[in-house]
Amino acid sequence: MIVFETPRLILRPRGLEHLEACVAINSDPEVMRYVGPVWPPAQQREHLTRQFATDRGEGLGHWAIFRKTAPEEMLGWALLVPLEGTDAVQIGYRLKRAAWGDGIATEAGQRLVAHGLETLRLPSLAAWTHPDNAGSKGVLIKLGFVPDGPYEENGEVRDLYRLTPAARQPWAKLASMAGGGAS
C-alpha cells in the first residue's frame, strides 16, 4: 500500500504495529462519542487484527497518521474503504483528542480525496457522520462534500455526504496546495 505525505503529515499503511495505538484511541469515550460504544480492549484487538488483514481493493485501505516532526507518535488514521451496503467508497478519519482542532483530519482528508478522485478515478466519494458531530461535518464541508440524505448502518441513522470530481473543481486548488505526494 502507498505512503502519502502532506506538508505536515505522513500517512502510512496501518498495520499490526499500530494495534495498541488504535486500541488507545478507540478506548477514549470522547473519541467514540459519535461512533459507537467503547469495546473492551480484547474485543478491539480481535476486530482490528481482522480489519488489518482485510484487502479493501487496489489503492484502498486505512492509513496511520503521523506528524513529520514526531513520526513515532500516531495521531489517528484516515481511510478509503467501500461503504457498507452501497457501491460507494467512503473517506473517514479518527484522531486522538490531542490532535483535534489542528487541521489534521482536513489535511489527511485532502490527500485521500486527491488519491480517490484523481489517482483511482472513483466516480465519487461518500462519508457519513453522526447528525450531532459538528466537527466532522466541518471537515467534510472543508473537503467539498455536500449533504446527500440519510445513511443507515446497524440501525443507526447517520448523515451521508458525497463529493464528485465535478463538485470538487473549486476545491482542487486547495487540495493541491496541501501538497505532498505518494511515495
N, C-alpha and C. Protein backbone atom coordinates (compact mmCIF):
# COMPACT_ATOMS: atom_id res chain seq x y z
N MET A 1 0.84 -1.18 0.00
CA MET A 1 0.00 0.00 0.00
C MET A 1 0.89 1.24 0.00
N ILE A 2 0.34 2.32 -0.43
CA ILE A 2 1.06 3.57 -0.65
C ILE A 2 1.27 4.34 0.65
N VAL A 3 2.41 5.03 0.76
CA VAL A 3 2.66 6.01 1.81
C VAL A 3 2.42 7.38 1.21
N PHE A 4 1.67 8.23 1.91
CA PHE A 4 1.40 9.59 1.45
C PHE A 4 2.08 10.59 2.36
N GLU A 5 2.41 11.74 1.79
CA GLU A 5 2.93 12.86 2.57
C GLU A 5 2.16 14.11 2.22
N THR A 6 2.01 14.98 3.21
CA THR A 6 1.44 16.30 3.03
C THR A 6 2.47 17.26 3.63
N PRO A 7 2.24 18.55 3.61
CA PRO A 7 3.24 19.44 4.20
C PRO A 7 3.60 19.10 5.65
N ARG A 8 2.63 18.65 6.44
CA ARG A 8 2.91 18.37 7.86
C ARG A 8 2.84 16.91 8.25
N LEU A 9 2.28 16.06 7.37
CA LEU A 9 1.92 14.71 7.79
C LEU A 9 2.54 13.62 6.94
N ILE A 10 2.64 12.45 7.54
CA ILE A 10 2.96 11.20 6.84
C ILE A 10 1.79 10.26 7.11
N LEU A 11 1.25 9.67 6.05
CA LEU A 11 0.18 8.69 6.16
C LEU A 11 0.76 7.35 5.72
N ARG A 12 0.91 6.43 6.68
CA ARG A 12 1.49 5.11 6.41
C ARG A 12 0.40 4.06 6.47
N PRO A 13 0.52 2.99 5.68
CA PRO A 13 -0.46 1.90 5.79
C PRO A 13 -0.55 1.43 7.24
N ARG A 14 -1.77 1.30 7.72
CA ARG A 14 -1.99 0.90 9.10
C ARG A 14 -1.86 -0.61 9.22
N GLY A 15 -1.16 -1.07 10.24
CA GLY A 15 -0.95 -2.50 10.42
C GLY A 15 -0.79 -2.87 11.88
N LEU A 16 -0.37 -4.11 12.12
CA LEU A 16 -0.26 -4.63 13.48
C LEU A 16 0.63 -3.78 14.37
N GLU A 17 1.61 -3.11 13.80
CA GLU A 17 2.49 -2.26 14.61
C GLU A 17 1.74 -1.06 15.20
N HIS A 18 0.55 -0.81 14.69
CA HIS A 18 -0.27 0.32 15.18
C HIS A 18 -1.41 -0.15 16.09
N LEU A 19 -1.44 -1.44 16.40
CA LEU A 19 -2.57 -2.01 17.12
C LEU A 19 -2.82 -1.33 18.46
N GLU A 20 -1.81 -1.20 19.29
CA GLU A 20 -2.02 -0.63 20.63
C GLU A 20 -2.39 0.84 20.57
N ALA A 21 -1.85 1.59 19.62
CA ALA A 21 -2.25 2.99 19.46
C ALA A 21 -3.71 3.09 19.04
N CYS A 22 -4.15 2.19 18.17
CA CYS A 22 -5.56 2.17 17.75
C CYS A 22 -6.46 1.84 18.93
N VAL A 23 -6.07 0.87 19.73
CA VAL A 23 -6.86 0.49 20.90
C VAL A 23 -6.96 1.68 21.86
N ALA A 24 -5.86 2.38 22.07
CA ALA A 24 -5.88 3.54 22.97
C ALA A 24 -6.83 4.62 22.46
N ILE A 25 -6.80 4.90 21.17
CA ILE A 25 -7.69 5.91 20.58
C ILE A 25 -9.14 5.46 20.73
N ASN A 26 -9.41 4.21 20.39
CA ASN A 26 -10.78 3.67 20.47
C ASN A 26 -11.28 3.49 21.90
N SER A 27 -10.40 3.58 22.88
CA SER A 27 -10.79 3.41 24.28
C SER A 27 -11.19 4.74 24.93
N ASP A 28 -11.02 5.83 24.22
CA ASP A 28 -11.39 7.14 24.75
C ASP A 28 -12.88 7.39 24.47
N PRO A 29 -13.71 7.44 25.52
CA PRO A 29 -15.16 7.62 25.31
C PRO A 29 -15.49 8.90 24.53
N GLU A 30 -14.69 9.93 24.66
CA GLU A 30 -14.98 11.18 23.94
C GLU A 30 -14.69 11.01 22.45
N VAL A 31 -13.65 10.26 22.09
CA VAL A 31 -13.37 9.97 20.68
C VAL A 31 -14.50 9.15 20.08
N MET A 32 -15.03 8.22 20.85
CA MET A 32 -16.06 7.30 20.36
C MET A 32 -17.48 7.85 20.52
N ARG A 33 -17.61 9.04 21.04
CA ARG A 33 -18.91 9.63 21.37
C ARG A 33 -19.92 9.53 20.23
N TYR A 34 -19.49 9.80 19.00
CA TYR A 34 -20.40 9.79 17.86
C TYR A 34 -20.24 8.55 16.99
N VAL A 35 -19.37 7.64 17.40
CA VAL A 35 -19.08 6.46 16.59
C VAL A 35 -19.80 5.23 17.11
N GLY A 36 -19.70 5.00 18.40
CA GLY A 36 -20.32 3.83 19.00
C GLY A 36 -19.73 3.55 20.35
N PRO A 37 -20.11 2.45 20.97
CA PRO A 37 -19.62 2.14 22.32
C PRO A 37 -18.14 1.81 22.32
N VAL A 38 -17.53 2.03 23.47
CA VAL A 38 -16.13 1.63 23.66
C VAL A 38 -16.13 0.13 23.97
N TRP A 39 -15.45 -0.63 23.13
CA TRP A 39 -15.36 -2.08 23.32
C TRP A 39 -14.24 -2.40 24.29
N PRO A 40 -14.33 -3.54 24.96
CA PRO A 40 -13.20 -3.98 25.79
C PRO A 40 -11.95 -4.15 24.91
N PRO A 41 -10.77 -3.89 25.47
CA PRO A 41 -9.53 -3.97 24.67
C PRO A 41 -9.35 -5.29 23.91
N ALA A 42 -9.68 -6.42 24.51
CA ALA A 42 -9.50 -7.71 23.83
C ALA A 42 -10.40 -7.78 22.59
N GLN A 43 -11.62 -7.30 22.69
CA GLN A 43 -12.54 -7.29 21.54
C GLN A 43 -12.02 -6.34 20.46
N GLN A 44 -11.49 -5.20 20.87
CA GLN A 44 -10.90 -4.26 19.90
C GLN A 44 -9.73 -4.91 19.16
N ARG A 45 -8.85 -5.56 19.89
CA ARG A 45 -7.67 -6.18 19.26
C ARG A 45 -8.10 -7.22 18.23
N GLU A 46 -9.09 -8.02 18.58
CA GLU A 46 -9.58 -9.04 17.65
C GLU A 46 -10.16 -8.38 16.39
N HIS A 47 -11.01 -7.39 16.58
CA HIS A 47 -11.63 -6.68 15.45
C HIS A 47 -10.57 -5.99 14.58
N LEU A 48 -9.66 -5.27 15.21
CA LEU A 48 -8.63 -4.54 14.45
C LEU A 48 -7.70 -5.49 13.71
N THR A 49 -7.35 -6.61 14.32
CA THR A 49 -6.47 -7.58 13.65
C THR A 49 -7.13 -8.10 12.38
N ARG A 50 -8.43 -8.40 12.45
CA ARG A 50 -9.16 -8.82 11.24
C ARG A 50 -9.19 -7.68 10.22
N GLN A 51 -9.43 -6.47 10.70
CA GLN A 51 -9.50 -5.31 9.81
C GLN A 51 -8.16 -5.10 9.09
N PHE A 52 -7.05 -5.23 9.81
CA PHE A 52 -5.74 -5.06 9.21
C PHE A 52 -5.49 -6.07 8.09
N ALA A 53 -6.05 -7.27 8.24
CA ALA A 53 -5.82 -8.35 7.27
C ALA A 53 -6.76 -8.29 6.08
N THR A 54 -7.75 -7.41 6.11
CA THR A 54 -8.75 -7.33 5.04
C THR A 54 -8.22 -6.53 3.86
N ASP A 55 -8.29 -7.12 2.68
CA ASP A 55 -7.91 -6.41 1.46
C ASP A 55 -9.11 -5.60 1.01
N ARG A 56 -8.98 -4.29 0.99
CA ARG A 56 -10.08 -3.40 0.63
C ARG A 56 -10.16 -3.12 -0.87
N GLY A 57 -9.16 -3.56 -1.62
CA GLY A 57 -9.12 -3.29 -3.05
C GLY A 57 -7.93 -2.40 -3.40
N GLU A 58 -7.62 -2.36 -4.66
CA GLU A 58 -6.47 -1.60 -5.15
C GLU A 58 -6.56 -0.13 -4.75
N GLY A 59 -5.54 0.34 -4.03
CA GLY A 59 -5.46 1.75 -3.65
C GLY A 59 -6.31 2.14 -2.47
N LEU A 60 -7.03 1.17 -1.87
CA LEU A 60 -7.91 1.47 -0.75
C LEU A 60 -7.31 0.92 0.54
N GLY A 61 -7.80 1.41 1.67
CA GLY A 61 -7.35 0.91 2.96
C GLY A 61 -7.40 1.95 4.04
N HIS A 62 -6.64 1.68 5.11
CA HIS A 62 -6.51 2.57 6.26
C HIS A 62 -5.07 3.05 6.34
N TRP A 63 -4.88 4.32 6.67
CA TRP A 63 -3.55 4.89 6.82
C TRP A 63 -3.40 5.49 8.21
N ALA A 64 -2.33 5.13 8.90
CA ALA A 64 -2.00 5.74 10.19
C ALA A 64 -1.41 7.12 9.92
N ILE A 65 -1.78 8.08 10.74
CA ILE A 65 -1.37 9.48 10.54
C ILE A 65 -0.31 9.85 11.58
N PHE A 66 0.78 10.46 11.09
CA PHE A 66 1.88 10.93 11.94
C PHE A 66 2.29 12.33 11.51
N ARG A 67 2.71 13.15 12.44
CA ARG A 67 3.34 14.43 12.09
C ARG A 67 4.77 14.15 11.63
N LYS A 68 5.21 14.89 10.65
CA LYS A 68 6.60 14.74 10.22
C LYS A 68 7.56 15.09 11.34
N THR A 69 7.15 16.00 12.22
CA THR A 69 8.01 16.41 13.33
C THR A 69 8.01 15.42 14.48
N ALA A 70 7.10 14.45 14.47
CA ALA A 70 7.02 13.43 15.53
C ALA A 70 6.56 12.12 14.89
N PRO A 71 7.40 11.54 14.02
CA PRO A 71 6.98 10.38 13.22
C PRO A 71 6.76 9.10 14.02
N GLU A 72 7.03 9.11 15.31
CA GLU A 72 6.80 7.92 16.13
C GLU A 72 5.45 7.97 16.85
N GLU A 73 4.77 9.12 16.85
CA GLU A 73 3.52 9.28 17.59
C GLU A 73 2.32 9.25 16.64
N MET A 74 1.56 8.17 16.71
CA MET A 74 0.38 8.04 15.86
C MET A 74 -0.73 8.95 16.37
N LEU A 75 -1.24 9.80 15.46
CA LEU A 75 -2.30 10.75 15.80
C LEU A 75 -3.69 10.16 15.61
N GLY A 76 -3.78 9.17 14.73
CA GLY A 76 -5.05 8.57 14.38
C GLY A 76 -4.93 7.89 13.04
N TRP A 77 -6.03 7.81 12.31
CA TRP A 77 -5.98 7.21 10.99
C TRP A 77 -7.02 7.83 10.09
N ALA A 78 -6.80 7.62 8.80
CA ALA A 78 -7.75 8.03 7.77
C ALA A 78 -7.97 6.81 6.87
N LEU A 79 -9.08 6.82 6.16
CA LEU A 79 -9.39 5.63 5.38
C LEU A 79 -10.11 5.97 4.09
N LEU A 80 -9.92 5.09 3.13
CA LEU A 80 -10.71 4.99 1.91
C LEU A 80 -11.09 3.52 1.80
N VAL A 81 -12.36 3.21 2.04
CA VAL A 81 -12.83 1.83 2.03
C VAL A 81 -14.24 1.79 1.44
N PRO A 82 -14.67 0.62 0.96
CA PRO A 82 -16.05 0.51 0.50
C PRO A 82 -17.03 0.86 1.61
N LEU A 83 -18.09 1.58 1.26
CA LEU A 83 -19.14 1.94 2.21
C LEU A 83 -20.15 0.82 2.25
N GLU A 84 -20.30 0.21 3.40
CA GLU A 84 -21.16 -0.95 3.58
C GLU A 84 -22.57 -0.70 3.04
N GLY A 85 -23.05 -1.66 2.26
CA GLY A 85 -24.42 -1.60 1.74
C GLY A 85 -24.59 -0.71 0.53
N THR A 86 -23.48 -0.21 -0.04
CA THR A 86 -23.55 0.66 -1.21
C THR A 86 -22.45 0.26 -2.19
N ASP A 87 -22.43 0.92 -3.35
CA ASP A 87 -21.33 0.71 -4.29
C ASP A 87 -20.31 1.85 -4.19
N ALA A 88 -20.41 2.66 -3.14
CA ALA A 88 -19.54 3.82 -2.97
C ALA A 88 -18.29 3.48 -2.17
N VAL A 89 -17.29 4.33 -2.31
CA VAL A 89 -16.10 4.29 -1.47
C VAL A 89 -16.20 5.47 -0.51
N GLN A 90 -15.95 5.18 0.76
CA GLN A 90 -16.05 6.23 1.76
C GLN A 90 -14.68 6.70 2.22
N ILE A 91 -14.65 7.95 2.62
CA ILE A 91 -13.48 8.51 3.29
C ILE A 91 -13.86 8.65 4.76
N GLY A 92 -12.90 8.47 5.63
CA GLY A 92 -13.15 8.61 7.05
C GLY A 92 -11.88 8.94 7.78
N TYR A 93 -12.01 9.28 9.05
CA TYR A 93 -10.86 9.66 9.86
C TYR A 93 -11.24 9.51 11.33
N ARG A 94 -10.26 9.21 12.14
CA ARG A 94 -10.43 9.17 13.60
C ARG A 94 -9.11 9.60 14.20
N LEU A 95 -9.18 10.57 15.10
CA LEU A 95 -7.98 11.12 15.72
C LEU A 95 -8.08 11.05 17.23
N LYS A 96 -6.94 10.92 17.89
CA LYS A 96 -6.95 11.05 19.34
C LYS A 96 -7.23 12.51 19.67
N ARG A 97 -7.76 12.73 20.86
CA ARG A 97 -8.20 14.09 21.22
C ARG A 97 -7.08 15.12 21.13
N ALA A 98 -5.86 14.74 21.48
CA ALA A 98 -4.75 15.69 21.45
C ALA A 98 -4.51 16.24 20.05
N ALA A 99 -5.04 15.57 19.02
CA ALA A 99 -4.84 16.01 17.63
C ALA A 99 -6.05 16.77 17.08
N TRP A 100 -7.09 16.92 17.86
CA TRP A 100 -8.28 17.63 17.40
C TRP A 100 -8.00 19.12 17.26
N GLY A 101 -8.67 19.74 16.30
CA GLY A 101 -8.65 21.19 16.18
C GLY A 101 -7.41 21.78 15.55
N ASP A 102 -6.58 20.94 14.94
CA ASP A 102 -5.32 21.42 14.34
C ASP A 102 -5.29 21.21 12.83
N GLY A 103 -6.42 20.87 12.23
CA GLY A 103 -6.47 20.68 10.79
C GLY A 103 -5.92 19.36 10.30
N ILE A 104 -5.64 18.43 11.21
CA ILE A 104 -5.05 17.14 10.83
C ILE A 104 -6.02 16.34 9.96
N ALA A 105 -7.28 16.23 10.38
CA ALA A 105 -8.26 15.46 9.60
C ALA A 105 -8.47 16.08 8.22
N THR A 106 -8.51 17.40 8.15
CA THR A 106 -8.69 18.08 6.86
C THR A 106 -7.48 17.84 5.96
N GLU A 107 -6.28 17.96 6.50
CA GLU A 107 -5.08 17.78 5.67
C GLU A 107 -4.95 16.35 5.18
N ALA A 108 -5.18 15.37 6.05
CA ALA A 108 -5.13 13.97 5.63
C ALA A 108 -6.26 13.70 4.64
N GLY A 109 -7.43 14.25 4.91
CA GLY A 109 -8.57 14.07 4.02
C GLY A 109 -8.32 14.64 2.63
N GLN A 110 -7.69 15.81 2.55
CA GLN A 110 -7.38 16.39 1.24
C GLN A 110 -6.51 15.44 0.42
N ARG A 111 -5.55 14.82 1.08
CA ARG A 111 -4.66 13.90 0.36
C ARG A 111 -5.40 12.67 -0.13
N LEU A 112 -6.30 12.13 0.71
CA LEU A 112 -7.04 10.94 0.31
C LEU A 112 -8.12 11.26 -0.72
N VAL A 113 -8.72 12.45 -0.66
CA VAL A 113 -9.66 12.87 -1.70
C VAL A 113 -8.94 12.92 -3.04
N ALA A 114 -7.77 13.54 -3.07
CA ALA A 114 -7.00 13.60 -4.33
C ALA A 114 -6.67 12.20 -4.83
N HIS A 115 -6.26 11.32 -3.94
CA HIS A 115 -5.93 9.95 -4.32
C HIS A 115 -7.17 9.24 -4.88
N GLY A 116 -8.30 9.37 -4.19
CA GLY A 116 -9.51 8.68 -4.62
C GLY A 116 -10.06 9.19 -5.94
N LEU A 117 -10.11 10.51 -6.09
CA LEU A 117 -10.74 11.07 -7.29
C LEU A 117 -9.78 11.21 -8.47
N GLU A 118 -8.51 11.51 -8.20
CA GLU A 118 -7.56 11.73 -9.29
C GLU A 118 -6.79 10.45 -9.66
N THR A 119 -6.21 9.80 -8.67
CA THR A 119 -5.41 8.61 -8.96
C THR A 119 -6.29 7.40 -9.26
N LEU A 120 -7.24 7.13 -8.38
CA LEU A 120 -8.11 5.96 -8.58
C LEU A 120 -9.26 6.25 -9.53
N ARG A 121 -9.51 7.52 -9.80
CA ARG A 121 -10.59 7.96 -10.70
C ARG A 121 -11.95 7.38 -10.30
N LEU A 122 -12.20 7.42 -8.99
CA LEU A 122 -13.50 6.99 -8.49
C LEU A 122 -14.56 7.99 -8.94
N PRO A 123 -15.79 7.54 -9.22
CA PRO A 123 -16.83 8.46 -9.69
C PRO A 123 -17.28 9.43 -8.61
N SER A 124 -17.12 9.05 -7.34
CA SER A 124 -17.47 9.93 -6.23
C SER A 124 -16.89 9.32 -4.96
N LEU A 125 -16.94 10.11 -3.91
CA LEU A 125 -16.60 9.62 -2.58
C LEU A 125 -17.78 9.91 -1.67
N ALA A 126 -17.95 9.07 -0.68
CA ALA A 126 -19.01 9.24 0.31
C ALA A 126 -18.37 9.35 1.69
N ALA A 127 -19.12 9.88 2.61
CA ALA A 127 -18.71 9.93 4.01
C ALA A 127 -19.97 10.01 4.85
N TRP A 128 -19.92 9.48 6.05
CA TRP A 128 -21.06 9.59 6.96
C TRP A 128 -20.58 10.15 8.28
N THR A 129 -21.50 10.79 8.95
CA THR A 129 -21.21 11.31 10.28
C THR A 129 -22.48 11.31 11.11
N HIS A 130 -22.31 11.27 12.39
CA HIS A 130 -23.43 11.38 13.31
C HIS A 130 -24.06 12.76 13.14
N PRO A 131 -25.38 12.86 13.17
CA PRO A 131 -26.03 14.15 12.97
C PRO A 131 -25.57 15.26 13.91
N ASP A 132 -25.09 14.90 15.10
CA ASP A 132 -24.67 15.91 16.08
C ASP A 132 -23.16 16.21 16.05
N ASN A 133 -22.42 15.56 15.18
CA ASN A 133 -20.96 15.72 15.16
C ASN A 133 -20.56 16.92 14.29
N ALA A 134 -20.62 18.09 14.87
CA ALA A 134 -20.32 19.33 14.13
C ALA A 134 -18.87 19.37 13.63
N GLY A 135 -17.94 18.83 14.41
CA GLY A 135 -16.54 18.84 13.99
C GLY A 135 -16.31 18.05 12.73
N SER A 136 -16.86 16.85 12.66
CA SER A 136 -16.70 16.01 11.48
C SER A 136 -17.41 16.62 10.27
N LYS A 137 -18.60 17.18 10.50
CA LYS A 137 -19.31 17.85 9.40
C LYS A 137 -18.47 19.01 8.86
N GLY A 138 -17.82 19.75 9.75
CA GLY A 138 -16.98 20.86 9.32
C GLY A 138 -15.83 20.40 8.44
N VAL A 139 -15.21 19.28 8.79
CA VAL A 139 -14.12 18.73 7.97
C VAL A 139 -14.66 18.36 6.59
N LEU A 140 -15.78 17.67 6.55
CA LEU A 140 -16.34 17.24 5.26
C LEU A 140 -16.67 18.45 4.38
N ILE A 141 -17.24 19.48 4.95
CA ILE A 141 -17.56 20.68 4.17
C ILE A 141 -16.28 21.34 3.66
N LYS A 142 -15.23 21.41 4.49
CA LYS A 142 -13.94 21.96 4.03
C LYS A 142 -13.38 21.15 2.87
N LEU A 143 -13.64 19.84 2.88
CA LEU A 143 -13.15 18.98 1.80
C LEU A 143 -14.01 19.08 0.53
N GLY A 144 -15.15 19.77 0.62
CA GLY A 144 -16.01 19.95 -0.54
C GLY A 144 -17.20 19.03 -0.62
N PHE A 145 -17.40 18.19 0.41
CA PHE A 145 -18.53 17.28 0.43
C PHE A 145 -19.83 18.07 0.64
N VAL A 146 -20.92 17.53 0.13
CA VAL A 146 -22.24 18.13 0.31
C VAL A 146 -23.18 17.08 0.89
N PRO A 147 -24.18 17.51 1.69
CA PRO A 147 -25.14 16.56 2.25
C PRO A 147 -25.86 15.78 1.15
N ASP A 148 -26.10 14.48 1.41
CA ASP A 148 -26.76 13.62 0.43
C ASP A 148 -27.80 12.73 1.09
N GLY A 149 -28.43 13.21 2.15
CA GLY A 149 -29.50 12.45 2.78
C GLY A 149 -29.04 11.56 3.90
N PRO A 150 -29.92 10.68 4.38
CA PRO A 150 -29.58 9.79 5.49
C PRO A 150 -28.86 8.53 5.00
N TYR A 151 -28.13 7.92 5.91
CA TYR A 151 -27.47 6.64 5.68
C TYR A 151 -27.70 5.82 6.94
N GLU A 152 -28.21 4.60 6.78
CA GLU A 152 -28.46 3.75 7.93
C GLU A 152 -27.41 2.66 8.01
N GLU A 153 -26.85 2.52 9.21
CA GLU A 153 -25.85 1.48 9.45
C GLU A 153 -26.13 0.87 10.81
N ASN A 154 -26.33 -0.42 10.85
CA ASN A 154 -26.59 -1.14 12.10
C ASN A 154 -27.72 -0.50 12.91
N GLY A 155 -28.77 -0.08 12.22
CA GLY A 155 -29.92 0.51 12.90
C GLY A 155 -29.75 1.96 13.30
N GLU A 156 -28.59 2.55 13.04
CA GLU A 156 -28.32 3.95 13.37
C GLU A 156 -28.45 4.78 12.09
N VAL A 157 -29.16 5.90 12.18
CA VAL A 157 -29.26 6.80 11.03
C VAL A 157 -28.17 7.86 11.14
N ARG A 158 -27.40 7.99 10.09
CA ARG A 158 -26.29 8.94 10.01
C ARG A 158 -26.56 9.92 8.88
N ASP A 159 -25.82 11.01 8.87
CA ASP A 159 -25.88 11.95 7.75
C ASP A 159 -24.86 11.51 6.70
N LEU A 160 -25.32 11.37 5.46
CA LEU A 160 -24.45 10.97 4.36
C LEU A 160 -24.01 12.21 3.59
N TYR A 161 -22.76 12.23 3.19
CA TYR A 161 -22.19 13.31 2.37
C TYR A 161 -21.56 12.70 1.14
N ARG A 162 -21.51 13.47 0.04
CA ARG A 162 -20.90 13.00 -1.22
C ARG A 162 -20.01 14.09 -1.79
N LEU A 163 -19.03 13.62 -2.55
CA LEU A 163 -18.15 14.51 -3.30
C LEU A 163 -17.89 13.87 -4.65
N THR A 164 -18.13 14.62 -5.72
CA THR A 164 -17.85 14.15 -7.08
C THR A 164 -16.69 14.97 -7.64
N PRO A 165 -16.01 14.44 -8.66
CA PRO A 165 -14.94 15.22 -9.27
C PRO A 165 -15.42 16.59 -9.76
N ALA A 166 -16.60 16.65 -10.35
CA ALA A 166 -17.11 17.94 -10.86
C ALA A 166 -17.35 18.92 -9.72
N ALA A 167 -17.92 18.44 -8.62
CA ALA A 167 -18.17 19.31 -7.48
C ALA A 167 -16.88 19.73 -6.81
N ARG A 168 -15.83 18.93 -6.98
CA ARG A 168 -14.56 19.20 -6.32
C ARG A 168 -13.76 20.29 -7.02
N GLN A 169 -14.05 20.60 -8.25
CA GLN A 169 -13.22 21.51 -9.02
C GLN A 169 -12.85 22.79 -8.25
N PRO A 170 -13.79 23.46 -7.61
CA PRO A 170 -13.39 24.67 -6.86
C PRO A 170 -12.43 24.36 -5.72
N TRP A 171 -12.44 23.11 -5.25
CA TRP A 171 -11.60 22.73 -4.12
C TRP A 171 -10.26 22.14 -4.56
N ALA A 172 -10.13 21.85 -5.84
CA ALA A 172 -8.91 21.17 -6.31
C ALA A 172 -7.66 21.98 -6.02
N LYS A 173 -7.74 23.30 -6.20
CA LYS A 173 -6.57 24.13 -5.93
C LYS A 173 -6.19 24.05 -4.45
N LEU A 174 -7.19 24.06 -3.58
CA LEU A 174 -6.93 23.94 -2.14
C LEU A 174 -6.23 22.62 -1.83
N ALA A 175 -6.72 21.54 -2.42
CA ALA A 175 -6.12 20.24 -2.17
C ALA A 175 -4.70 20.17 -2.70
N SER A 176 -4.47 20.75 -3.87
CA SER A 176 -3.11 20.72 -4.40
C SER A 176 -2.18 21.58 -3.57
N MET A 177 -2.72 22.61 -2.92
CA MET A 177 -1.90 23.43 -2.04
C MET A 177 -1.52 22.66 -0.78
N ALA A 178 -2.32 21.63 -0.46
CA ALA A 178 -1.97 20.78 0.70
C ALA A 178 -0.70 20.00 0.39
N GLY A 179 -0.39 19.93 -0.91
CA GLY A 179 0.89 19.36 -1.34
C GLY A 179 1.02 17.90 -1.08
N GLY A 180 2.25 17.50 -1.09
CA GLY A 180 2.55 16.11 -0.81
C GLY A 180 2.25 15.22 -1.98
N GLY A 181 2.74 14.07 -1.88
CA GLY A 181 2.52 13.09 -2.93
C GLY A 181 2.59 11.72 -2.33
N ALA A 182 2.67 10.77 -3.19
CA ALA A 182 2.78 9.38 -2.76
C ALA A 182 4.21 8.95 -2.95
N SER A 183 4.64 8.06 -2.10
CA SER A 183 5.98 7.51 -2.27
C SER A 183 5.91 6.01 -2.21
